[in-house]
PDB file of N, CA and C in Angstrom:
ATOM      1  N   UNK A   1     136.976 125.201 105.294  1.00  0.00           N
ATOM      2  CA  UNK A   1     135.781 125.030 106.689  1.00  0.00           C
ATOM      3  C   UNK A   1     136.973 124.242 107.607  1.00  0.00           C
ATOM      4  N   UNK A   2     136.344 124.634 108.643  1.00  0.00           N
ATOM      5  CA  UNK A   2     136.935 123.815 109.946  1.00  0.00           C
ATOM      6  C   UNK A   2     135.982 122.825 110.142  1.00  0.00           C
ATOM      7  N   UNK A   3     136.231 121.693 110.601  1.00  0.00           N
ATOM      8  CA  UNK A   3     135.147 120.956 111.203  1.00  0.00           C
ATOM      9  C   UNK A   3     134.323 120.892 112.560  1.00  0.00           C
ATOM     10  N   UNK A   4     134.827 122.170 113.037  1.00  0.00           N
ATOM     11  CA  UNK A   4     133.922 122.725 114.062  1.00  0.00           C
ATOM     12  C   UNK A   4     132.934 123.367 113.285  1.00  0.00           C
ATOM     13  N   UNK A   5     133.084 124.551 112.447  1.00  0.00           N
ATOM     14  CA  UNK A   5     132.075 125.110 111.598  1.00  0.00           C
ATOM     15  C   UNK A   5     131.284 124.079 111.013  1.00  0.00           C
ATOM     16  N   UNK A   6     131.555 122.812 110.477  1.00  0.00           N
ATOM     17  CA  UNK A   6     130.566 122.054 109.483  1.00  0.00           C
ATOM     18  C   UNK A   6     129.909 121.360 110.341  1.00  0.00           C
ATOM     19  N   UNK A   7     130.028 121.020 111.812  1.00  0.00           N
ATOM     20  CA  UNK A   7     129.471 120.399 112.841  1.00  0.00           C
ATOM     21  C   UNK A   7     128.295 121.578 113.379  1.00  0.00           C
ATOM     22  N   UNK A   8     128.648 122.777 113.350  1.00  0.00           N
ATOM     23  CA  UNK A   8     127.639 123.895 113.789  1.00  0.00           C
ATOM     24  C   UNK A   8     126.626 123.799 112.714  1.00  0.00           C
ATOM     25  N   UNK A   9     127.068 123.774 111.681  1.00  0.00           N
ATOM     26  CA  UNK A   9     126.230 124.093 110.514  1.00  0.00           C
ATOM     27  C   UNK A   9     125.465 122.771 110.010  1.00  0.00           C
ATOM     28  N   UNK A  10     125.795 121.563 110.607  1.00  0.00           N
ATOM     29  CA  UNK A  10     124.668 120.534 110.443  1.00  0.00           C
ATOM     30  C   UNK A  10     123.750 120.307 111.843  1.00  0.00           C
ATOM     31  N   UNK A  11     124.285 120.920 112.704  1.00  0.00           N
ATOM     32  CA  UNK A  11     123.532 120.983 113.946  1.00  0.00           C
ATOM     33  C   UNK A  11     122.393 121.888 113.608  1.00  0.00           C
ATOM     34  N   UNK A  12     122.509 123.053 113.169  1.00  0.00           N
ATOM     35  CA  UNK A  12     121.672 123.899 112.778  1.00  0.00           C
ATOM     36  C   UNK A  12     120.425 123.587 111.502  1.00  0.00           C
ATOM     37  N   UNK A  13     121.093 122.928 110.538  1.00  0.00           N
ATOM     38  CA  UNK A  13     120.048 122.480 109.768  1.00  0.00           C
ATOM     39  C   UNK A  13     119.164 121.206 110.383  1.00  0.00           C
ATOM     40  N   UNK A  14     120.175 120.211 111.021  1.00  0.00           N
ATOM     41  CA  UNK A  14     119.447 119.358 111.807  1.00  0.00           C
ATOM     42  C   UNK A  14     117.936 120.040 112.874  1.00  0.00           C
ATOM     43  N   UNK A  15     118.314 120.940 113.056  1.00  0.00           N
ATOM     44  CA  UNK A  15     117.146 121.697 114.407  1.00  0.00           C
ATOM     45  C   UNK A  15     116.289 122.167 113.300  1.00  0.00           C
ATOM     46  N   UNK A  16     116.377 122.618 112.207  1.00  0.00           N
ATOM     47  CA  UNK A  16     115.596 123.206 111.084  1.00  0.00           C
ATOM     48  C   UNK A  16     114.824 122.381 110.589  1.00  0.00           C
ATOM     49  N   UNK A  17     115.099 121.175 110.320  1.00  0.00           N
ATOM     50  CA  UNK A  17     114.687 119.918 109.881  1.00  0.00           C
ATOM     51  C   UNK A  17     113.474 119.609 110.707  1.00  0.00           C
ATOM     52  N   UNK A  18     113.991 119.434 112.166  1.00  0.00           N
ATOM     53  CA  UNK A  18     113.009 118.839 113.158  1.00  0.00           C
ATOM     54  C   UNK A  18     112.233 119.727 113.452  1.00  0.00           C
ATOM     55  N   UNK A  19     112.174 121.200 113.388  1.00  0.00           N
ATOM     56  CA  UNK A  19     110.967 121.994 113.530  1.00  0.00           C
ATOM     57  C   UNK A  19     110.337 122.169 112.431  1.00  0.00           C
ATOM     58  N   UNK A  20     110.750 122.150 111.176  1.00  0.00           N
ATOM     59  CA  UNK A  20     109.859 121.724 110.081  1.00  0.00           C
ATOM     60  C   UNK A  20     109.099 120.361 110.046  1.00  0.00           C
ATOM     61  N   UNK A  21     109.452 119.519 110.282  1.00  0.00           N
ATOM     62  CA  UNK A  21     108.794 118.216 110.361  1.00  0.00           C
ATOM     63  C   UNK A  21     107.667 118.393 111.695  1.00  0.00           C
ATOM     64  N   UNK A  22     108.131 118.861 112.955  1.00  0.00           N
ATOM     65  CA  UNK A  22     107.035 118.931 113.592  1.00  0.00           C
ATOM     66  C   UNK A  22     105.931 120.169 113.123  1.00  0.00           C
ATOM     67  N   UNK A  23     106.098 121.100 112.575  1.00  0.00           N
ATOM     68  CA  UNK A  23     105.237 122.247 111.713  1.00  0.00           C
ATOM     69  C   UNK A  23     104.454 121.534 111.104  1.00  0.00           C
ATOM     70  N   UNK A  24     104.709 120.676 110.060  1.00  0.00           N
ATOM     71  CA  UNK A  24     104.079 119.797 109.154  1.00  0.00           C
ATOM     72  C   UNK A  24     103.230 118.888 109.743  1.00  0.00           C
ATOM     73  N   UNK A  25     103.686 118.179 110.541  1.00  0.00           N
ATOM     74  CA  UNK A  25     102.781 117.377 111.558  1.00  0.00           C
ATOM     75  C   UNK A  25     101.592 118.064 112.080  1.00  0.00           C
ATOM     76  N   UNK A  26     101.761 119.160 112.599  1.00  0.00           N
ATOM     77  CA  UNK A  26     100.912 120.243 113.496  1.00  0.00           C
ATOM     78  C   UNK A  26      99.723 120.381 112.493  1.00  0.00           C
ATOM     79  N   UNK A  27     100.249 121.002 111.227  1.00  0.00           N
ATOM     80  CA  UNK A  27      99.458 121.696 110.607  1.00  0.00           C
ATOM     81  C   UNK A  27      98.199 120.892 109.682  1.00  0.00           C
ATOM     82  N   UNK A  28      99.133 119.566 109.412  1.00  0.00           N
ATOM     83  CA  UNK A  28      98.646 118.478 108.280  1.00  0.00           C
ATOM     84  C   UNK A  28      98.233 117.571 109.195  1.00  0.00           C
ATOM     85  N   UNK A  29      98.289 117.260 110.677  1.00  0.00           N
ATOM     86  CA  UNK A  29      98.138 116.199 111.061  1.00  0.00           C
ATOM     87  C   UNK A  29      96.920 116.071 111.652  1.00  0.00           C
ATOM     88  N   UNK A  30      95.873 115.715 111.133  1.00  0.00           N
ATOM     89  CA  UNK A  30      94.289 115.894 111.490  1.00  0.00           C
ATOM     90  C   UNK A  30      94.101 114.494 112.029  1.00  0.00           C
ATOM     91  N   UNK A  31      93.160 114.332 113.163  1.00  0.00           N
ATOM     92  CA  UNK A  31      92.908 113.315 113.762  1.00  0.00           C
ATOM     93  C   UNK A  31      92.167 112.426 113.241  1.00  0.00           C
ATOM     94  N   UNK A  32      92.265 111.213 112.900  1.00  0.00           N
ATOM     95  CA  UNK A  32      91.020 110.405 111.860  1.00  0.00           C
ATOM     96  C   UNK A  32      89.987 110.127 112.728  1.00  0.00           C
ATOM     97  N   UNK A  33      88.714 110.312 112.126  1.00  0.00           N
ATOM     98  CA  UNK A  33      87.537 109.828 112.790  1.00  0.00           C
ATOM     99  C   UNK A  33      87.256 108.652 112.760  1.00  0.00           C
ATOM    100  N   UNK A  34      87.051 107.864 114.042  1.00  0.00           N
ATOM    101  CA  UNK A  34      86.778 106.706 113.732  1.00  0.00           C
ATOM    102  C   UNK A  34      85.432 106.368 114.135  1.00  0.00           C
ATOM    103  N   UNK A  35      84.610 105.769 113.288  1.00  0.00           N
ATOM    104  CA  UNK A  35      83.221 105.445 113.065  1.00  0.00           C
ATOM    105  C   UNK A  35      82.522 104.258 113.112  1.00  0.00           C
ATOM    106  N   UNK A  36      81.438 104.025 114.091  1.00  0.00           N
ATOM    107  CA  UNK A  36      80.678 103.170 114.531  1.00  0.00           C
ATOM    108  C   UNK A  36      79.731 102.669 113.473  1.00  0.00           C
ATOM    109  N   UNK A  37      79.632 103.588 112.563  1.00  0.00           N
ATOM    110  CA  UNK A  37      78.518 103.094 111.765  1.00  0.00           C
ATOM    111  C   UNK A  37      78.992 102.643 110.249  1.00  0.00           C
ATOM    112  N   UNK A  38      78.716 101.738 109.690  1.00  0.00           N
ATOM    113  CA  UNK A  38      79.366 101.094 108.324  1.00  0.00           C
ATOM    114  C   UNK A  38      79.095 102.302 107.387  1.00  0.00           C
ATOM    115  N   UNK A  39      79.563 102.290 106.140  1.00  0.00           N
ATOM    116  CA  UNK A  39      79.201 103.306 105.444  1.00  0.00           C
ATOM    117  C   UNK A  39      77.860 102.887 104.664  1.00  0.00           C
ATOM    118  N   UNK A  40      77.626 101.879 104.594  1.00  0.00           N
ATOM    119  CA  UNK A  40      76.279 101.191 103.876  1.00  0.00           C
ATOM    120  C   UNK A  40      75.006 101.753 104.761  1.00  0.00           C
ATOM    121  N   UNK A  41      75.555 102.105 106.237  1.00  0.00           N
ATOM    122  CA  UNK A  41      74.284 102.743 107.012  1.00  0.00           C
ATOM    123  C   UNK A  41      74.210 104.044 106.995  1.00  0.00           C
ATOM    124  N   UNK A  42      75.140 104.828 106.495  1.00  0.00           N
ATOM    125  CA  UNK A  42      75.135 106.213 106.905  1.00  0.00           C
ATOM    126  C   UNK A  42      74.006 106.923 105.895  1.00  0.00           C
ATOM    127  N   UNK A  43      73.762 108.085 106.441  1.00  0.00           N
ATOM    128  CA  UNK A  43      72.455 109.092 105.401  1.00  0.00           C
ATOM    129  C   UNK A  43      73.216 109.832 104.379  1.00  0.00           C
ATOM    130  N   UNK A  44      74.330 110.554 105.081  1.00  0.00           N
ATOM    131  CA  UNK A  44      74.873 111.598 104.300  1.00  0.00           C
ATOM    132  C   UNK A  44      76.239 110.845 104.060  1.00  0.00           C
ATOM    133  N   UNK A  45      77.180 111.470 103.063  1.00  0.00           N
ATOM    134  CA  UNK A  45      78.853 110.888 103.277  1.00  0.00           C
ATOM    135  C   UNK A  45      79.384 112.190 102.156  1.00  0.00           C
ATOM    136  N   UNK A  46      80.498 112.201 102.550  1.00  0.00           N
ATOM    137  CA  UNK A  46      81.125 112.861 101.895  1.00  0.00           C
ATOM    138  C   UNK A  46      81.465 112.686 100.577  1.00  0.00           C
ATOM    139  N   UNK A  47      82.140 113.395  99.773  1.00  0.00           N
ATOM    140  CA  UNK A  47      82.932 113.104  98.358  1.00  0.00           C
ATOM    141  C   UNK A  47      83.579 111.919  98.190  1.00  0.00           C
ATOM    142  N   UNK A  48      84.414 111.788  99.199  1.00  0.00           N
ATOM    143  CA  UNK A  48      85.213 110.510  99.246  1.00  0.00           C
ATOM    144  C   UNK A  48      84.748 109.123  99.354  1.00  0.00           C
ATOM    145  N   UNK A  49      83.688 109.190 100.295  1.00  0.00           N
ATOM    146  CA  UNK A  49      82.999 107.958 100.646  1.00  0.00           C
ATOM    147  C   UNK A  49      81.896 107.648  99.933  1.00  0.00           C
ATOM    148  N   UNK A  50      81.577 108.787  98.898  1.00  0.00           N
ATOM    149  CA  UNK A  50      80.935 108.506  97.795  1.00  0.00           C
ATOM    150  C   UNK A  50      81.385 107.239  96.963  1.00  0.00           C
ATOM    151  N   UNK A  51      82.843 108.265  96.623  1.00  0.00           N
ATOM    152  CA  UNK A  51      83.349 107.429  95.631  1.00  0.00           C
ATOM    153  C   UNK A  51      83.737 105.969  95.908  1.00  0.00           C
ATOM    154  N   UNK A  52      83.929 105.890  97.042  1.00  0.00           N
ATOM    155  CA  UNK A  52      84.446 104.362  97.538  1.00  0.00           C
ATOM    156  C   UNK A  52      82.791 103.812  97.730  1.00  0.00           C
ATOM    157  N   UNK A  53      82.224 103.936  97.988  1.00  0.00           N
ATOM    158  CA  UNK A  53      80.387 103.497  98.053  1.00  0.00           C
ATOM    159  C   UNK A  53      80.170 103.226  96.414  1.00  0.00           C
ATOM    160  N   UNK A  54      80.338 103.745  95.430  1.00  0.00           N
ATOM    161  CA  UNK A  54      80.055 103.813  94.149  1.00  0.00           C
ATOM    162  C   UNK A  54      81.270 102.854  93.523  1.00  0.00           C
ATOM    163  N   UNK A  55      82.493 102.801  94.020  1.00  0.00           N
ATOM    164  CA  UNK A  55      83.339 102.245  93.427  1.00  0.00           C
ATOM    165  C   UNK A  55      83.915 102.900  92.059  1.00  0.00           C
ATOM    166  N   UNK A  56      83.831 103.994  92.176  1.00  0.00           N
ATOM    167  CA  UNK A  56      84.445 104.972  90.929  1.00  0.00           C
ATOM    168  C   UNK A  56      85.012 105.840  91.270  1.00  0.00           C
ATOM    169  N   UNK A  57      85.580 107.082  90.302  1.00  0.00           N
ATOM    170  CA  UNK A  57      86.236 107.924  90.397  1.00  0.00           C
ATOM    171  C   UNK A  57      85.515 109.276  90.702  1.00  0.00           C
ATOM    172  N   UNK A  58      86.532 110.373  91.005  1.00  0.00           N
ATOM    173  CA  UNK A  58      85.356 111.504  91.944  1.00  0.00           C
ATOM    174  C   UNK A  58      84.655 111.825  90.366  1.00  0.00           C
ATOM    175  N   UNK A  59      84.932 112.061  89.242  1.00  0.00           N
ATOM    176  CA  UNK A  59      83.907 112.535  88.301  1.00  0.00           C
ATOM    177  C   UNK A  59      83.003 112.277  88.227  1.00  0.00           C
ATOM    178  N   UNK A  60      83.123 110.782  87.973  1.00  0.00           N
ATOM    179  CA  UNK A  60      81.690 109.950  88.011  1.00  0.00           C
ATOM    180  C   UNK A  60      80.999 110.126  89.035  1.00  0.00           C
ATOM    181  N   UNK A  61      81.721 110.130  90.425  1.00  0.00           N
ATOM    182  CA  UNK A  61      80.519 109.853  91.553  1.00  0.00           C
ATOM    183  C   UNK A  61      79.782 111.306  91.568  1.00  0.00           C
ATOM    184  N   UNK A  62      80.434 112.488  91.313  1.00  0.00           N
ATOM    185  CA  UNK A  62      79.753 113.596  91.387  1.00  0.00           C
ATOM    186  C   UNK A  62      78.687 113.610  90.464  1.00  0.00           C
ATOM    187  N   UNK A  63      79.063 113.194  89.120  1.00  0.00           N
ATOM    188  CA  UNK A  63      77.832 113.035  88.185  1.00  0.00           C
ATOM    189  C   UNK A  63      76.713 112.366  88.605  1.00  0.00           C
ATOM    190  N   UNK A  64      76.973 111.416  89.163  1.00  0.00           N
ATOM    191  CA  UNK A  64      75.888 110.456  89.710  1.00  0.00           C
ATOM    192  C   UNK A  64      74.832 111.048  90.701  1.00  0.00           C
ATOM    193  N   UNK A  65      75.855 111.774  91.746  1.00  0.00           N
ATOM    194  CA  UNK A  65      75.193 112.444  92.857  1.00  0.00           C
ATOM    195  C   UNK A  65      74.223 113.630  92.343  1.00  0.00           C
ATOM    196  N   UNK A  66      74.761 114.402  91.354  1.00  0.00           N
ATOM    197  CA  UNK A  66      74.160 115.563  90.793  1.00  0.00           C
ATOM    198  C   UNK A  66      73.036 115.049  90.042  1.00  0.00           C
ATOM    199  N   UNK A  67      73.159 113.859  89.718  1.00  0.00           N
ATOM    200  CA  UNK A  67      71.561 113.859  88.725  1.00  0.00           C
ATOM    201  C   UNK A  67      70.728 112.841  89.651  1.00  0.00           C
ATOM    202  N   UNK A  68      71.184 112.499  90.974  1.00  0.00           N
ATOM    203  CA  UNK A  68      70.043 111.956  91.384  1.00  0.00           C
ATOM    204  C   UNK A  68      69.763 113.030  92.378  1.00  0.00           C
ATOM    205  N   UNK A  69      70.207 114.540  92.388  1.00  0.00           N
ATOM    206  CA  UNK A  69      69.815 115.453  93.098  1.00  0.00           C
ATOM    207  C   UNK A  69      70.198 115.292  94.573  1.00  0.00           C
ATOM    208  N   UNK A  70      71.016 114.562  94.877  1.00  0.00           N
ATOM    209  CA  UNK A  70      71.339 114.477  96.413  1.00  0.00           C
ATOM    210  C   UNK A  70      72.424 115.118  96.840  1.00  0.00           C
ATOM    211  N   UNK A  71      72.589 116.357  96.390  1.00  0.00           N
ATOM    212  CA  UNK A  71      73.629 117.203  96.902  1.00  0.00           C
ATOM    213  C   UNK A  71      73.146 117.777  98.215  1.00  0.00           C
ATOM    214  N   UNK A  72      73.889 117.724  99.444  1.00  0.00           N
ATOM    215  CA  UNK A  72      73.462 118.552 100.546  1.00  0.00           C
ATOM    216  C   UNK A  72      74.502 119.461 100.883  1.00  0.00           C
ATOM    217  N   UNK A  73      74.416 120.837 101.088  1.00  0.00           N
ATOM    218  CA  UNK A  73      75.308 121.675 101.249  1.00  0.00           C
ATOM    219  C   UNK A  73      75.317 122.167 102.679  1.00  0.00           C
ATOM    220  N   UNK A  74      76.498 122.370 103.438  1.00  0.00           N
ATOM    221  CA  UNK A  74      75.987 122.465 104.914  1.00  0.00           C
ATOM    222  C   UNK A  74      77.524 123.559 105.081  1.00  0.00           C
ATOM    223  N   UNK A  75      77.151 125.234 105.220  1.00  0.00           N
ATOM    224  CA  UNK A  75      78.000 125.864 104.868  1.00  0.00           C
ATOM    225  C   UNK A  75      78.845 125.717 104.000  1.00  0.00           C
ATOM    226  N   UNK A  76      80.264 125.215 104.083  1.00  0.00           N
ATOM    227  CA  UNK A  76      81.205 125.088 103.209  1.00  0.00           C
ATOM    228  C   UNK A  76      81.499 123.567 102.625  1.00  0.00           C
ATOM    229  N   UNK A  77      80.655 122.858 103.469  1.00  0.00           N
ATOM    230  CA  UNK A  77      80.993 121.453 103.180  1.00  0.00           C
ATOM    231  C   UNK A  77      79.702 120.658 102.743  1.00  0.00           C
ATOM    232  N   UNK A  78      80.420 119.862 101.696  1.00  0.00           N
ATOM    233  CA  UNK A  78      79.512 119.123 100.544  1.00  0.00           C
ATOM    234  C   UNK A  78      79.268 117.436 101.069  1.00  0.00           C
ATOM    235  N   UNK A  79      78.095 117.251 101.029  1.00  0.00           N
ATOM    236  CA  UNK A  79      77.841 116.233 101.641  1.00  0.00           C
ATOM    237  C   UNK A  79      76.450 115.746 100.370  1.00  0.00           C
ATOM    238  N   UNK A  80      76.223 114.141 100.200  1.00  0.00           N
ATOM    239  CA  UNK A  80      75.691 113.556  99.505  1.00  0.00           C
ATOM    240  C   UNK A  80      74.552 112.501 100.229  1.00  0.00           C
ATOM    241  N   UNK A  81      73.424 112.641  99.766  1.00  0.00           N
ATOM    242  CA  UNK A  81      72.214 112.066 100.396  1.00  0.00           C
ATOM    243  C   UNK A  81      72.210 110.340  99.708  1.00  0.00           C
ATOM    244  N   UNK A  82      72.507 109.251 100.514  1.00  0.00           N
ATOM    245  CA  UNK A  82      72.763 108.219 100.231  1.00  0.00           C
ATOM    246  C   UNK A  82      71.565 107.652  99.695  1.00  0.00           C
ATOM    247  N   UNK A  83      70.306 107.870 100.503  1.00  0.00           N
ATOM    248  CA  UNK A  83      69.174 107.249  99.721  1.00  0.00           C
ATOM    249  C   UNK A  83      68.781 107.793  98.682  1.00  0.00           C
ATOM    250  N   UNK A  84      68.915 109.113  98.378  1.00  0.00           N
ATOM    251  CA  UNK A  84      68.603 109.249  96.688  1.00  0.00           C
ATOM    252  C   UNK A  84      69.530 108.784  95.880  1.00  0.00           C
ATOM    253  N   UNK A  85      70.831 108.292  96.398  1.00  0.00           N
ATOM    254  CA  UNK A  85      71.618 107.974  94.987  1.00  0.00           C
ATOM    255  C   UNK A  85      71.211 106.608  95.010  1.00  0.00           C
ATOM    256  N   UNK A  86      70.839 105.784  96.219  1.00  0.00           N
ATOM    257  CA  UNK A  86      70.233 104.288  96.378  1.00  0.00           C
ATOM    258  C   UNK A  86      69.015 104.479  94.910  1.00  0.00           C
ATOM    259  N   UNK A  87      68.373 105.660  95.412  1.00  0.00           N
ATOM    260  CA  UNK A  87      67.061 105.164  94.726  1.00  0.00           C
ATOM    261  C   UNK A  87      67.273 105.514  92.952  1.00  0.00           C
ATOM    262  N   UNK A  88      68.017 106.228  92.468  1.00  0.00           N
ATOM    263  CA  UNK A  88      68.523 106.924  91.412  1.00  0.00           C
ATOM    264  C   UNK A  88      69.128 105.766  90.777  1.00  0.00           C
ATOM    265  N   UNK A  89      69.822 105.081  91.241  1.00  0.00           N
ATOM    266  CA  UNK A  89      70.557 103.840  90.798  1.00  0.00           C
ATOM    267  C   UNK A  89      69.495 102.589  90.230  1.00  0.00           C
ATOM    268  N   UNK A  90      68.532 102.513  91.454  1.00  0.00           N
ATOM    269  CA  UNK A  90      67.865 101.441  90.992  1.00  0.00           C
ATOM    270  C   UNK A  90      66.949 101.726  89.798  1.00  0.00           C
ATOM    271  N   UNK A  91      66.709 102.998  89.523  1.00  0.00           N
ATOM    272  CA  UNK A  91      65.571 103.438  88.912  1.00  0.00           C
ATOM    273  C   UNK A  91      66.347 103.290  87.400  1.00  0.00           C
ATOM    274  N   UNK A  92      67.737 103.667  87.297  1.00  0.00           N
ATOM    275  CA  UNK A  92      68.293 103.414  85.847  1.00  0.00           C
ATOM    276  C   UNK A  92      68.721 102.173  85.494  1.00  0.00           C
ATOM    277  N   UNK A  93      68.963 101.422  86.690  1.00  0.00           N
ATOM    278  CA  UNK A  93      69.108  99.968  86.175  1.00  0.00           C
ATOM    279  C   UNK A  93      68.278  99.397  85.670  1.00  0.00           C
ATOM    280  N   UNK A  94      68.556  98.151  84.972  1.00  0.00           N
ATOM    281  CA  UNK A  94      67.837  97.453  83.832  1.00  0.00           C
ATOM    282  C   UNK A  94      67.417  96.102  84.409  1.00  0.00           C
TER     283      UNK A  94
END
């Protein structure tokens, strides 16, 4: 292979990589929401925030949320009622 064909191949691979990198960022690059409300003051939280609030894993957070009857579904989204979860934990605490 000649040096010029290697250079052309390298350039096309670089272009392909750059376009792939841009498409990946475009597809997966969601804007992160900045919240002025702290996690403890929220009425509803998603599963990730519930895990953070309870300081446990996903399986345990889901189990606690379901036992507390705190599941709120809106369209395809799943939220958790923080007040109900707090009441449930207060009731089962010794």
